[in-house]
Amino acid sequence: MSTFIVILGPPGAGKGTQARKLSEKLQMAHISSGDLFREHLRSETELGKLAEGYISRGELVPDDVTNAMVRDQLTRNDTDNGAILDGFPRTPAQAEALEKMLAEFNGHVNVAVNIKVPDDELIERLTGRLTCQEQGHIFHKKYNPPKVPGKCDFDGSELYQRDDDKEETVKKRIRVYHEQTRSLIQYYQERGLLFEVDGKQTIEGVMADLLEYLSSGE
């Protein structure tokens, strides 16, 4: 039976980084909802066009559209060994839809990892982020500064602060995350699938805790 791991965590907790590293170490596919949206929008697929309509109106993309994108990804061969799910599900309804999808592939969610970081640290992490104009490489004023101030180390393009990394927006994003995800965390907790990890640690420390838990067969 294929193994599927859900990674949960607020903006700035590092769930994308941990999902990518875990994917490499375990030789499993990494399915990022953010990447899926960008891919479908860029390729102008039918699902992408549907999503774009809602996004352009400032509305949430309905579950059936998001679920269809995830299901499409699951049908690809690179999920034969299972997958790390990053940014999906976000609600108990999506979690139930995911279980039904995975049953078709002889799989189920084995563990939902919740990366916990205090809000004040999340704010510091996010408001210090800098993104390169050309390819989206991420730097940080404090934790990962560029070699040349204001310039990307990799392609030399200008660095800028995304609108959603400004303090007021960051606080709102974190508040919305907590409101939306509280019931999802409870959903996995009630099913005995939740594993919480201290996200204040280094990237390596969080990864070590994840690998230890997964290898323990819990």
N, C-alpha and C. Protein backbone atom coordinates (compact mmCIF):
# COMPACT_ATOMS: atom_id res chain seq x y z
N MET A 1 0.85 -1.20 0.00
CA MET A 1 0.00 0.00 0.00
C MET A 1 0.88 1.24 0.00
N SER A 2 0.53 2.22 -0.84
CA SER A 2 1.33 3.44 -0.96
C SER A 2 1.21 4.31 0.29
N THR A 3 2.30 5.02 0.60
CA THR A 3 2.36 5.90 1.76
C THR A 3 2.12 7.34 1.34
N PHE A 4 1.23 8.02 2.06
CA PHE A 4 0.98 9.44 1.79
C PHE A 4 1.11 10.22 3.08
N ILE A 5 1.88 11.30 3.02
CA ILE A 5 2.17 12.12 4.19
C ILE A 5 1.67 13.54 3.93
N VAL A 6 0.86 14.05 4.84
CA VAL A 6 0.35 15.42 4.75
C VAL A 6 1.22 16.32 5.62
N ILE A 7 1.68 17.44 5.06
CA ILE A 7 2.48 18.41 5.83
C ILE A 7 1.61 19.64 6.09
N LEU A 8 1.42 19.93 7.38
CA LEU A 8 0.66 21.10 7.80
C LEU A 8 1.58 22.11 8.47
N GLY A 9 1.19 23.36 8.42
CA GLY A 9 1.98 24.39 9.10
C GLY A 9 1.59 25.76 8.58
N PRO A 10 1.67 26.77 9.43
CA PRO A 10 1.30 28.12 9.01
C PRO A 10 2.29 28.70 8.01
N PRO A 11 1.95 29.82 7.36
CA PRO A 11 2.90 30.48 6.47
C PRO A 11 4.19 30.79 7.21
N GLY A 12 5.33 30.43 6.62
CA GLY A 12 6.61 30.71 7.25
C GLY A 12 7.13 29.59 8.13
N ALA A 13 6.35 28.51 8.29
CA ALA A 13 6.80 27.40 9.15
C ALA A 13 7.84 26.53 8.46
N GLY A 14 7.96 26.66 7.14
CA GLY A 14 8.95 25.86 6.40
C GLY A 14 8.41 24.55 5.87
N LYS A 15 7.08 24.46 5.74
CA LYS A 15 6.52 23.17 5.30
C LYS A 15 6.93 22.81 3.87
N GLY A 16 7.06 23.82 3.00
CA GLY A 16 7.50 23.54 1.64
C GLY A 16 8.91 23.00 1.60
N THR A 17 9.79 23.60 2.38
CA THR A 17 11.19 23.14 2.46
C THR A 17 11.26 21.71 2.98
N GLN A 18 10.53 21.44 4.07
CA GLN A 18 10.55 20.09 4.64
C GLN A 18 9.93 19.07 3.68
N ALA A 19 8.86 19.46 3.00
CA ALA A 19 8.21 18.55 2.05
C ALA A 19 9.17 18.17 0.92
N ARG A 20 9.90 19.17 0.39
CA ARG A 20 10.85 18.89 -0.70
C ARG A 20 11.98 17.98 -0.22
N LYS A 21 12.51 18.27 0.96
CA LYS A 21 13.62 17.45 1.48
C LYS A 21 13.16 16.02 1.78
N LEU A 22 11.96 15.91 2.35
CA LEU A 22 11.42 14.59 2.67
C LEU A 22 11.17 13.80 1.39
N SER A 23 10.68 14.49 0.37
CA SER A 23 10.44 13.86 -0.92
C SER A 23 11.73 13.27 -1.49
N GLU A 24 12.84 14.02 -1.39
CA GLU A 24 14.13 13.54 -1.89
C GLU A 24 14.63 12.35 -1.08
N LYS A 25 14.53 12.45 0.24
CA LYS A 25 15.07 11.39 1.10
C LYS A 25 14.29 10.09 0.99
N LEU A 26 12.96 10.20 0.84
CA LEU A 26 12.12 9.01 0.81
C LEU A 26 11.79 8.56 -0.61
N GLN A 27 12.31 9.31 -1.61
CA GLN A 27 12.03 8.98 -3.02
C GLN A 27 10.52 8.91 -3.28
N MET A 28 9.83 9.94 -2.80
CA MET A 28 8.39 10.04 -3.00
C MET A 28 8.08 11.36 -3.71
N ALA A 29 6.97 11.39 -4.44
CA ALA A 29 6.57 12.60 -5.14
C ALA A 29 6.22 13.70 -4.14
N HIS A 30 6.42 14.94 -4.54
CA HIS A 30 6.04 16.11 -3.74
C HIS A 30 4.92 16.81 -4.48
N ILE A 31 3.73 16.84 -3.87
CA ILE A 31 2.58 17.51 -4.48
C ILE A 31 2.29 18.77 -3.68
N SER A 32 2.60 19.92 -4.28
CA SER A 32 2.37 21.21 -3.64
C SER A 32 1.15 21.85 -4.29
N SER A 33 0.16 22.20 -3.47
CA SER A 33 -1.05 22.82 -4.04
C SER A 33 -0.72 24.14 -4.73
N GLY A 34 0.22 24.89 -4.17
CA GLY A 34 0.63 26.15 -4.79
C GLY A 34 1.24 25.93 -6.16
N ASP A 35 2.11 24.93 -6.27
CA ASP A 35 2.72 24.60 -7.56
C ASP A 35 1.68 24.14 -8.57
N LEU A 36 0.70 23.35 -8.08
CA LEU A 36 -0.35 22.86 -8.98
C LEU A 36 -1.15 24.02 -9.56
N PHE A 37 -1.52 24.97 -8.69
CA PHE A 37 -2.28 26.13 -9.18
C PHE A 37 -1.46 26.89 -10.23
N ARG A 38 -0.19 27.13 -9.91
CA ARG A 38 0.65 27.89 -10.85
C ARG A 38 0.80 27.15 -12.18
N GLU A 39 0.98 25.84 -12.11
CA GLU A 39 1.16 25.04 -13.32
C GLU A 39 -0.10 25.10 -14.20
N HIS A 40 -1.27 24.93 -13.58
CA HIS A 40 -2.52 24.94 -14.35
C HIS A 40 -2.84 26.33 -14.90
N LEU A 41 -2.52 27.37 -14.12
CA LEU A 41 -2.74 28.74 -14.61
C LEU A 41 -1.81 29.05 -15.78
N ARG A 42 -0.53 28.63 -15.63
CA ARG A 42 0.46 28.91 -16.67
C ARG A 42 0.13 28.14 -17.96
N SER A 43 -0.31 26.90 -17.81
CA SER A 43 -0.61 26.06 -18.98
C SER A 43 -2.00 26.32 -19.55
N GLU A 44 -2.77 27.16 -18.85
CA GLU A 44 -4.13 27.51 -19.28
C GLU A 44 -4.99 26.27 -19.52
N THR A 45 -4.90 25.32 -18.57
CA THR A 45 -5.76 24.13 -18.65
C THR A 45 -7.19 24.53 -18.30
N GLU A 46 -8.12 23.61 -18.54
CA GLU A 46 -9.51 23.90 -18.19
C GLU A 46 -9.65 24.18 -16.69
N LEU A 47 -8.94 23.37 -15.88
CA LEU A 47 -8.99 23.58 -14.43
C LEU A 47 -8.35 24.92 -14.07
N GLY A 48 -7.27 25.26 -14.77
CA GLY A 48 -6.60 26.54 -14.53
C GLY A 48 -7.51 27.72 -14.85
N LYS A 49 -8.24 27.61 -15.96
CA LYS A 49 -9.16 28.69 -16.34
C LYS A 49 -10.29 28.84 -15.32
N LEU A 50 -10.77 27.68 -14.81
CA LEU A 50 -11.81 27.72 -13.79
C LEU A 50 -11.29 28.42 -12.53
N ALA A 51 -10.08 28.02 -12.10
CA ALA A 51 -9.49 28.60 -10.89
C ALA A 51 -9.23 30.09 -11.07
N GLU A 52 -8.75 30.46 -12.24
CA GLU A 52 -8.39 31.87 -12.49
C GLU A 52 -9.61 32.78 -12.35
N GLY A 53 -10.76 32.27 -12.77
CA GLY A 53 -11.99 33.06 -12.65
C GLY A 53 -12.29 33.43 -11.21
N TYR A 54 -12.15 32.45 -10.32
CA TYR A 54 -12.40 32.71 -8.90
C TYR A 54 -11.33 33.62 -8.30
N ILE A 55 -10.06 33.32 -8.66
CA ILE A 55 -8.94 34.10 -8.11
C ILE A 55 -9.05 35.56 -8.53
N SER A 56 -9.40 35.81 -9.80
CA SER A 56 -9.48 37.19 -10.29
C SER A 56 -10.60 37.98 -9.61
N ARG A 57 -11.61 37.24 -9.09
CA ARG A 57 -12.70 37.91 -8.38
C ARG A 57 -12.42 37.99 -6.88
N GLY A 58 -11.25 37.50 -6.47
CA GLY A 58 -10.88 37.53 -5.06
C GLY A 58 -11.64 36.51 -4.23
N GLU A 59 -12.12 35.45 -4.89
CA GLU A 59 -12.89 34.41 -4.20
C GLU A 59 -12.04 33.17 -4.00
N LEU A 60 -12.43 32.35 -3.01
CA LEU A 60 -11.73 31.08 -2.79
C LEU A 60 -12.06 30.12 -3.93
N VAL A 61 -11.06 29.38 -4.37
CA VAL A 61 -11.28 28.37 -5.41
C VAL A 61 -12.07 27.22 -4.77
N PRO A 62 -13.19 26.81 -5.36
CA PRO A 62 -14.01 25.74 -4.76
C PRO A 62 -13.24 24.43 -4.62
N ASP A 63 -13.66 23.64 -3.63
CA ASP A 63 -13.00 22.37 -3.36
C ASP A 63 -12.96 21.46 -4.58
N ASP A 64 -14.06 21.43 -5.36
CA ASP A 64 -14.08 20.46 -6.46
C ASP A 64 -13.00 20.76 -7.50
N VAL A 65 -12.65 22.05 -7.68
CA VAL A 65 -11.59 22.41 -8.63
C VAL A 65 -10.22 22.01 -8.06
N THR A 66 -9.99 22.37 -6.80
CA THR A 66 -8.71 22.01 -6.15
C THR A 66 -8.55 20.50 -6.09
N ASN A 67 -9.62 19.80 -5.69
CA ASN A 67 -9.57 18.33 -5.60
C ASN A 67 -9.24 17.70 -6.96
N ALA A 68 -9.82 18.27 -8.02
CA ALA A 68 -9.58 17.73 -9.36
C ALA A 68 -8.12 17.90 -9.77
N MET A 69 -7.50 19.03 -9.38
CA MET A 69 -6.08 19.24 -9.68
C MET A 69 -5.22 18.20 -8.97
N VAL A 70 -5.54 17.94 -7.70
CA VAL A 70 -4.77 16.96 -6.92
C VAL A 70 -4.97 15.56 -7.50
N ARG A 71 -6.21 15.24 -7.84
CA ARG A 71 -6.49 13.92 -8.40
C ARG A 71 -5.73 13.70 -9.71
N ASP A 72 -5.68 14.74 -10.53
CA ASP A 72 -4.94 14.67 -11.80
C ASP A 72 -3.47 14.35 -11.53
N GLN A 73 -2.90 14.99 -10.50
CA GLN A 73 -1.50 14.75 -10.16
C GLN A 73 -1.29 13.32 -9.65
N LEU A 74 -2.27 12.83 -8.89
CA LEU A 74 -2.15 11.48 -8.33
C LEU A 74 -2.17 10.40 -9.41
N THR A 75 -2.76 10.69 -10.56
CA THR A 75 -2.83 9.69 -11.63
C THR A 75 -1.50 9.54 -12.36
N ARG A 76 -0.56 10.45 -12.08
CA ARG A 76 0.73 10.38 -12.77
C ARG A 76 1.61 9.30 -12.15
N ASN A 77 2.49 8.73 -12.95
CA ASN A 77 3.30 7.60 -12.50
C ASN A 77 4.20 7.91 -11.32
N ASP A 78 4.58 9.19 -11.16
CA ASP A 78 5.55 9.50 -10.11
C ASP A 78 4.95 9.41 -8.71
N THR A 79 3.67 9.08 -8.59
CA THR A 79 3.07 8.89 -7.27
C THR A 79 2.90 7.41 -6.91
N ASP A 80 3.50 6.54 -7.70
CA ASP A 80 3.37 5.10 -7.43
C ASP A 80 3.88 4.72 -6.04
N ASN A 81 4.91 5.41 -5.57
CA ASN A 81 5.46 5.12 -4.24
C ASN A 81 4.81 5.94 -3.14
N GLY A 82 3.73 6.65 -3.49
CA GLY A 82 3.11 7.55 -2.53
C GLY A 82 3.54 8.98 -2.79
N ALA A 83 3.23 9.87 -1.85
CA ALA A 83 3.56 11.28 -2.06
C ALA A 83 3.54 12.05 -0.75
N ILE A 84 4.25 13.19 -0.78
CA ILE A 84 4.20 14.17 0.29
C ILE A 84 3.25 15.27 -0.18
N LEU A 85 2.19 15.53 0.58
CA LEU A 85 1.19 16.53 0.21
C LEU A 85 1.42 17.80 1.01
N ASP A 86 1.65 18.90 0.30
CA ASP A 86 2.04 20.17 0.90
C ASP A 86 1.02 21.24 0.51
N GLY A 87 0.24 21.73 1.50
CA GLY A 87 -0.76 22.76 1.21
C GLY A 87 -2.13 22.19 0.89
N PHE A 88 -2.26 20.89 0.92
CA PHE A 88 -3.54 20.21 0.70
C PHE A 88 -3.53 18.94 1.54
N PRO A 89 -4.62 18.63 2.24
CA PRO A 89 -5.88 19.36 2.33
C PRO A 89 -5.78 20.55 3.29
N ARG A 90 -6.78 21.45 3.22
CA ARG A 90 -6.85 22.60 4.12
C ARG A 90 -8.07 22.57 5.02
N THR A 91 -9.00 21.69 4.71
CA THR A 91 -10.23 21.58 5.51
C THR A 91 -10.57 20.10 5.71
N PRO A 92 -11.39 19.78 6.72
CA PRO A 92 -11.82 18.38 6.89
C PRO A 92 -12.52 17.83 5.65
N ALA A 93 -13.29 18.69 4.95
CA ALA A 93 -13.98 18.23 3.74
C ALA A 93 -12.98 17.80 2.68
N GLN A 94 -11.89 18.59 2.51
CA GLN A 94 -10.84 18.22 1.56
C GLN A 94 -10.13 16.95 2.02
N ALA A 95 -9.95 16.81 3.34
CA ALA A 95 -9.28 15.61 3.88
C ALA A 95 -10.10 14.36 3.57
N GLU A 96 -11.42 14.46 3.70
CA GLU A 96 -12.28 13.31 3.39
C GLU A 96 -12.25 13.01 1.89
N ALA A 97 -12.24 14.06 1.07
CA ALA A 97 -12.15 13.86 -0.38
C ALA A 97 -10.83 13.19 -0.74
N LEU A 98 -9.75 13.60 -0.06
CA LEU A 98 -8.43 13.01 -0.31
C LEU A 98 -8.44 11.52 0.00
N GLU A 99 -9.04 11.13 1.13
CA GLU A 99 -9.07 9.71 1.50
C GLU A 99 -9.79 8.89 0.43
N LYS A 100 -10.88 9.44 -0.11
CA LYS A 100 -11.62 8.72 -1.16
C LYS A 100 -10.77 8.59 -2.41
N MET A 101 -10.02 9.66 -2.74
CA MET A 101 -9.13 9.62 -3.92
C MET A 101 -8.05 8.56 -3.72
N LEU A 102 -7.42 8.60 -2.54
CA LEU A 102 -6.29 7.70 -2.28
C LEU A 102 -6.73 6.24 -2.27
N ALA A 103 -7.96 5.98 -1.84
CA ALA A 103 -8.46 4.60 -1.82
C ALA A 103 -8.44 4.00 -3.22
N GLU A 104 -8.65 4.84 -4.23
CA GLU A 104 -8.62 4.37 -5.62
C GLU A 104 -7.21 3.94 -6.02
N PHE A 105 -6.20 4.50 -5.34
CA PHE A 105 -4.80 4.20 -5.66
C PHE A 105 -4.19 3.24 -4.63
N ASN A 106 -5.07 2.56 -3.87
CA ASN A 106 -4.63 1.63 -2.84
C ASN A 106 -3.71 2.31 -1.83
N GLY A 107 -4.09 3.51 -1.42
CA GLY A 107 -3.28 4.25 -0.46
C GLY A 107 -4.15 4.96 0.55
N HIS A 108 -3.52 5.53 1.55
CA HIS A 108 -4.23 6.35 2.54
C HIS A 108 -3.20 7.24 3.23
N VAL A 109 -3.68 8.26 3.94
CA VAL A 109 -2.78 9.14 4.68
C VAL A 109 -2.24 8.38 5.89
N ASN A 110 -0.91 8.22 5.96
CA ASN A 110 -0.28 7.51 7.08
C ASN A 110 -0.02 8.43 8.26
N VAL A 111 0.31 9.69 7.95
CA VAL A 111 0.60 10.64 9.02
C VAL A 111 0.37 12.07 8.50
N ALA A 112 -0.14 12.91 9.41
CA ALA A 112 -0.26 14.34 9.12
C ALA A 112 0.70 15.05 10.05
N VAL A 113 1.73 15.66 9.49
CA VAL A 113 2.76 16.35 10.27
C VAL A 113 2.36 17.81 10.45
N ASN A 114 2.32 18.26 11.69
CA ASN A 114 2.00 19.67 11.96
C ASN A 114 3.26 20.36 12.48
N ILE A 115 3.82 21.28 11.68
CA ILE A 115 5.03 22.01 12.08
C ILE A 115 4.59 23.25 12.86
N LYS A 116 4.90 23.27 14.17
CA LYS A 116 4.43 24.34 15.05
C LYS A 116 5.51 25.41 15.26
N VAL A 117 5.14 26.66 15.02
CA VAL A 117 6.05 27.80 15.23
C VAL A 117 5.23 28.94 15.85
N PRO A 118 5.74 29.60 16.90
CA PRO A 118 5.00 30.72 17.50
C PRO A 118 4.76 31.84 16.49
N ASP A 119 3.64 32.54 16.64
CA ASP A 119 3.26 33.58 15.68
C ASP A 119 4.32 34.68 15.55
N ASP A 120 4.93 35.10 16.68
CA ASP A 120 5.90 36.20 16.60
C ASP A 120 7.12 35.82 15.77
N GLU A 121 7.50 34.54 15.84
CA GLU A 121 8.63 34.10 15.02
C GLU A 121 8.24 34.01 13.54
N LEU A 122 7.00 33.57 13.28
CA LEU A 122 6.52 33.52 11.90
C LEU A 122 6.55 34.91 11.27
N ILE A 123 6.13 35.91 12.05
CA ILE A 123 6.11 37.29 11.54
C ILE A 123 7.52 37.74 11.19
N GLU A 124 8.49 37.43 12.07
CA GLU A 124 9.88 37.81 11.80
C GLU A 124 10.41 37.11 10.54
N ARG A 125 10.08 35.82 10.42
CA ARG A 125 10.55 35.06 9.25
C ARG A 125 9.99 35.62 7.95
N LEU A 126 8.68 35.89 7.94
CA LEU A 126 8.02 36.28 6.70
C LEU A 126 8.31 37.71 6.29
N THR A 127 8.32 38.63 7.26
CA THR A 127 8.54 40.04 6.91
C THR A 127 9.98 40.31 6.50
N GLY A 128 10.88 39.37 6.80
CA GLY A 128 12.27 39.53 6.39
C GLY A 128 12.60 38.87 5.06
N ARG A 129 11.61 38.21 4.46
CA ARG A 129 11.86 37.48 3.21
C ARG A 129 12.04 38.42 2.03
N LEU A 130 12.97 38.05 1.15
CA LEU A 130 13.21 38.79 -0.08
C LEU A 130 13.14 37.79 -1.24
N THR A 131 12.51 38.19 -2.32
CA THR A 131 12.33 37.29 -3.47
C THR A 131 12.98 37.90 -4.69
N CYS A 132 13.64 37.07 -5.50
CA CYS A 132 14.31 37.61 -6.69
C CYS A 132 13.30 37.76 -7.84
N GLN A 133 13.48 38.82 -8.61
CA GLN A 133 12.54 39.16 -9.68
C GLN A 133 12.52 38.10 -10.78
N GLU A 134 13.69 37.51 -11.06
CA GLU A 134 13.83 36.67 -12.25
C GLU A 134 13.23 35.27 -12.06
N GLN A 135 13.70 34.56 -11.02
CA GLN A 135 13.30 33.16 -10.88
C GLN A 135 12.69 32.82 -9.52
N GLY A 136 12.47 33.83 -8.70
CA GLY A 136 11.78 33.59 -7.43
C GLY A 136 12.62 32.98 -6.33
N HIS A 137 13.96 33.06 -6.45
CA HIS A 137 14.82 32.55 -5.36
C HIS A 137 14.53 33.34 -4.08
N ILE A 138 14.54 32.64 -2.94
CA ILE A 138 14.17 33.27 -1.67
C ILE A 138 15.41 33.53 -0.81
N PHE A 139 15.48 34.75 -0.26
CA PHE A 139 16.53 35.13 0.69
C PHE A 139 15.85 35.69 1.93
N HIS A 140 16.65 35.99 2.96
CA HIS A 140 16.10 36.58 4.18
C HIS A 140 17.09 37.60 4.72
N LYS A 141 16.56 38.74 5.13
CA LYS A 141 17.43 39.81 5.62
C LYS A 141 18.32 39.35 6.77
N LYS A 142 17.77 38.49 7.64
CA LYS A 142 18.50 38.06 8.83
C LYS A 142 19.10 36.66 8.68
N TYR A 143 18.29 35.70 8.23
CA TYR A 143 18.71 34.30 8.25
C TYR A 143 19.47 33.84 7.00
N ASN A 144 19.22 34.50 5.88
CA ASN A 144 19.87 34.08 4.63
C ASN A 144 20.08 35.28 3.72
N PRO A 145 20.90 36.25 4.16
CA PRO A 145 21.06 37.48 3.36
C PRO A 145 21.83 37.22 2.07
N PRO A 146 21.53 37.98 1.02
CA PRO A 146 22.28 37.82 -0.24
C PRO A 146 23.71 38.33 -0.05
N LYS A 147 24.62 37.85 -0.89
CA LYS A 147 26.02 38.29 -0.79
C LYS A 147 26.15 39.77 -1.11
N VAL A 148 25.38 40.21 -2.11
CA VAL A 148 25.34 41.64 -2.47
C VAL A 148 23.95 42.15 -2.12
N PRO A 149 23.85 43.15 -1.23
CA PRO A 149 22.53 43.64 -0.82
C PRO A 149 21.65 43.99 -2.01
N GLY A 150 20.42 43.47 -1.99
CA GLY A 150 19.44 43.80 -3.03
C GLY A 150 19.58 43.02 -4.32
N LYS A 151 20.57 42.08 -4.39
CA LYS A 151 20.79 41.33 -5.63
C LYS A 151 20.74 39.82 -5.36
N CYS A 152 20.14 39.08 -6.28
CA CYS A 152 20.08 37.62 -6.16
C CYS A 152 21.46 37.00 -6.38
N ASP A 153 21.85 36.07 -5.51
CA ASP A 153 23.14 35.39 -5.64
C ASP A 153 23.23 34.56 -6.92
N PHE A 154 22.08 34.08 -7.41
CA PHE A 154 22.07 33.12 -8.50
C PHE A 154 21.96 33.74 -9.89
N ASP A 155 21.13 34.78 -10.03
CA ASP A 155 20.95 35.35 -11.37
C ASP A 155 21.18 36.86 -11.41
N GLY A 156 21.49 37.47 -10.26
CA GLY A 156 21.81 38.89 -10.23
C GLY A 156 20.63 39.84 -10.34
N SER A 157 19.42 39.28 -10.40
CA SER A 157 18.25 40.16 -10.54
C SER A 157 17.93 40.85 -9.21
N GLU A 158 17.10 41.88 -9.29
CA GLU A 158 16.75 42.66 -8.09
C GLU A 158 15.91 41.81 -7.13
N LEU A 159 16.14 42.06 -5.83
CA LEU A 159 15.32 41.41 -4.81
C LEU A 159 14.23 42.38 -4.36
N TYR A 160 13.06 41.83 -4.04
CA TYR A 160 11.96 42.69 -3.58
C TYR A 160 11.17 41.96 -2.50
N GLN A 161 10.37 42.72 -1.76
CA GLN A 161 9.49 42.13 -0.76
C GLN A 161 8.10 41.98 -1.37
N ARG A 162 7.61 40.73 -1.38
CA ARG A 162 6.28 40.49 -1.92
C ARG A 162 5.23 41.18 -1.05
N ASP A 163 4.13 41.59 -1.67
CA ASP A 163 3.07 42.25 -0.93
C ASP A 163 2.56 41.38 0.22
N ASP A 164 2.50 40.05 -0.03
CA ASP A 164 1.97 39.19 1.02
C ASP A 164 2.99 38.89 2.12
N ASP A 165 4.19 39.48 2.02
CA ASP A 165 5.19 39.37 3.09
C ASP A 165 5.29 40.65 3.92
N LYS A 166 4.40 41.62 3.66
CA LYS A 166 4.38 42.84 4.46
C LYS A 166 3.62 42.57 5.76
N GLU A 167 4.01 43.28 6.85
CA GLU A 167 3.59 42.87 8.19
C GLU A 167 2.09 42.72 8.38
N GLU A 168 1.30 43.69 7.96
CA GLU A 168 -0.14 43.61 8.18
C GLU A 168 -0.74 42.41 7.44
N THR A 169 -0.25 42.19 6.21
CA THR A 169 -0.73 41.06 5.42
C THR A 169 -0.31 39.74 6.06
N VAL A 170 0.92 39.70 6.56
CA VAL A 170 1.43 38.49 7.22
C VAL A 170 0.57 38.14 8.43
N LYS A 171 0.26 39.13 9.25
CA LYS A 171 -0.57 38.88 10.44
C LYS A 171 -1.94 38.33 10.05
N LYS A 172 -2.49 38.89 8.97
CA LYS A 172 -3.80 38.41 8.51
C LYS A 172 -3.69 36.98 7.99
N ARG A 173 -2.64 36.68 7.22
CA ARG A 173 -2.45 35.32 6.69
C ARG A 173 -2.36 34.30 7.81
N ILE A 174 -1.62 34.65 8.86
CA ILE A 174 -1.45 33.73 9.99
C ILE A 174 -2.78 33.52 10.71
N ARG A 175 -3.52 34.62 10.91
CA ARG A 175 -4.82 34.53 11.60
C ARG A 175 -5.79 33.65 10.80
N VAL A 176 -5.84 33.89 9.49
CA VAL A 176 -6.74 33.10 8.63
C VAL A 176 -6.33 31.63 8.65
N TYR A 177 -5.02 31.36 8.62
CA TYR A 177 -4.54 29.98 8.67
C TYR A 177 -5.05 29.28 9.92
N HIS A 178 -4.87 29.92 11.07
CA HIS A 178 -5.31 29.30 12.33
C HIS A 178 -6.82 29.03 12.32
N GLU A 179 -7.58 30.00 11.83
CA GLU A 179 -9.04 29.84 11.79
C GLU A 179 -9.45 28.69 10.88
N GLN A 180 -8.80 28.60 9.73
CA GLN A 180 -9.18 27.59 8.73
C GLN A 180 -8.68 26.19 9.08
N THR A 181 -7.54 26.11 9.76
CA THR A 181 -6.86 24.82 9.91
C THR A 181 -7.12 24.14 11.25
N ARG A 182 -7.66 24.89 12.20
CA ARG A 182 -7.91 24.31 13.53
C ARG A 182 -8.71 23.01 13.45
N SER A 183 -9.78 23.04 12.65
CA SER A 183 -10.63 21.85 12.54
C SER A 183 -9.94 20.71 11.79
N LEU A 184 -9.03 21.04 10.87
CA LEU A 184 -8.29 20.00 10.13
C LEU A 184 -7.30 19.29 11.05
N ILE A 185 -6.62 20.07 11.90
CA ILE A 185 -5.69 19.47 12.87
C ILE A 185 -6.46 18.54 13.80
N GLN A 186 -7.64 18.98 14.23
CA GLN A 186 -8.48 18.15 15.09
C GLN A 186 -8.92 16.88 14.36
N TYR A 187 -9.22 17.01 13.07
CA TYR A 187 -9.64 15.87 12.24
C TYR A 187 -8.57 14.77 12.29
N TYR A 188 -7.31 15.15 12.06
CA TYR A 188 -6.24 14.15 12.05
C TYR A 188 -5.89 13.67 13.46
N GLN A 189 -6.03 14.55 14.43
CA GLN A 189 -5.76 14.17 15.82
C GLN A 189 -6.74 13.08 16.27
N GLU A 190 -8.01 13.27 15.94
CA GLU A 190 -9.05 12.30 16.34
C GLU A 190 -8.82 10.94 15.69
N ARG A 191 -8.15 10.92 14.55
CA ARG A 191 -7.88 9.65 13.85
C ARG A 191 -6.53 9.05 14.21
N GLY A 192 -5.85 9.70 15.16
CA GLY A 192 -4.55 9.18 15.61
C GLY A 192 -3.45 9.29 14.58
N LEU A 193 -3.59 10.27 13.65
CA LEU A 193 -2.63 10.40 12.56
C LEU A 193 -1.74 11.64 12.70
N LEU A 194 -1.96 12.45 13.74
CA LEU A 194 -1.23 13.72 13.86
C LEU A 194 0.10 13.54 14.58
N PHE A 195 1.15 14.11 13.98
CA PHE A 195 2.47 14.18 14.63
C PHE A 195 2.91 15.63 14.61
N GLU A 196 3.15 16.20 15.80
CA GLU A 196 3.54 17.60 15.88
C GLU A 196 5.04 17.71 16.11
N VAL A 197 5.66 18.64 15.39
CA VAL A 197 7.12 18.82 15.47
C VAL A 197 7.41 20.29 15.75
N ASP A 198 8.46 20.53 16.52
CA ASP A 198 8.87 21.88 16.89
C ASP A 198 9.55 22.55 15.70
N GLY A 199 8.86 23.52 15.10
CA GLY A 199 9.39 24.19 13.92
C GLY A 199 10.36 25.31 14.23
N LYS A 200 10.63 25.58 15.53
CA LYS A 200 11.62 26.61 15.89
C LYS A 200 13.04 26.09 15.68
N GLN A 201 13.19 24.79 15.53
CA GLN A 201 14.50 24.19 15.31
C GLN A 201 15.05 24.59 13.94
N THR A 202 16.31 24.21 13.73
CA THR A 202 16.89 24.38 12.40
C THR A 202 16.16 23.47 11.41
N ILE A 203 16.34 23.73 10.12
CA ILE A 203 15.76 22.89 9.08
C ILE A 203 16.19 21.43 9.29
N GLU A 204 17.48 21.27 9.62
CA GLU A 204 18.02 19.92 9.82
C GLU A 204 17.40 19.25 11.05
N GLY A 205 17.15 20.04 12.09
CA GLY A 205 16.56 19.50 13.31
C GLY A 205 15.14 19.01 13.09
N VAL A 206 14.36 19.80 12.36
CA VAL A 206 12.99 19.39 12.04
C VAL A 206 13.02 18.11 11.20
N MET A 207 13.91 18.07 10.20
CA MET A 207 14.00 16.89 9.34
C MET A 207 14.39 15.65 10.14
N ALA A 208 15.33 15.80 11.06
CA ALA A 208 15.76 14.67 11.89
C ALA A 208 14.59 14.11 12.70
N ASP A 209 13.79 15.01 13.28
CA ASP A 209 12.62 14.57 14.05
C ASP A 209 11.61 13.84 13.17
N LEU A 210 11.40 14.36 11.96
CA LEU A 210 10.46 13.73 11.03
C LEU A 210 10.92 12.32 10.64
N LEU A 211 12.19 12.21 10.28
CA LEU A 211 12.72 10.91 9.85
C LEU A 211 12.71 9.90 11.00
N GLU A 212 13.02 10.38 12.20
CA GLU A 212 13.00 9.47 13.37
C GLU A 212 11.59 8.94 13.60
N TYR A 213 10.61 9.84 13.53
CA TYR A 213 9.22 9.41 13.74
C TYR A 213 8.77 8.44 12.66
N LEU A 214 9.07 8.75 11.41
CA LEU A 214 8.63 7.90 10.31
C LEU A 214 9.31 6.52 10.36
N SER A 215 10.57 6.50 10.77
CA SER A 215 11.29 5.21 10.83
C SER A 215 10.87 4.36 12.02
N SER A 216 10.24 5.02 13.00
CA SER A 216 9.82 4.28 14.21
C SER A 216 8.60 3.41 13.94
N GLY A 217 7.94 3.68 12.79
CA GLY A 217 6.79 2.87 12.43
C GLY A 217 5.55 3.21 13.21
N GLU A 218 5.56 4.39 13.83
CA GLU A 218 4.39 4.80 14.62
C GLU A 218 3.18 4.99 13.72
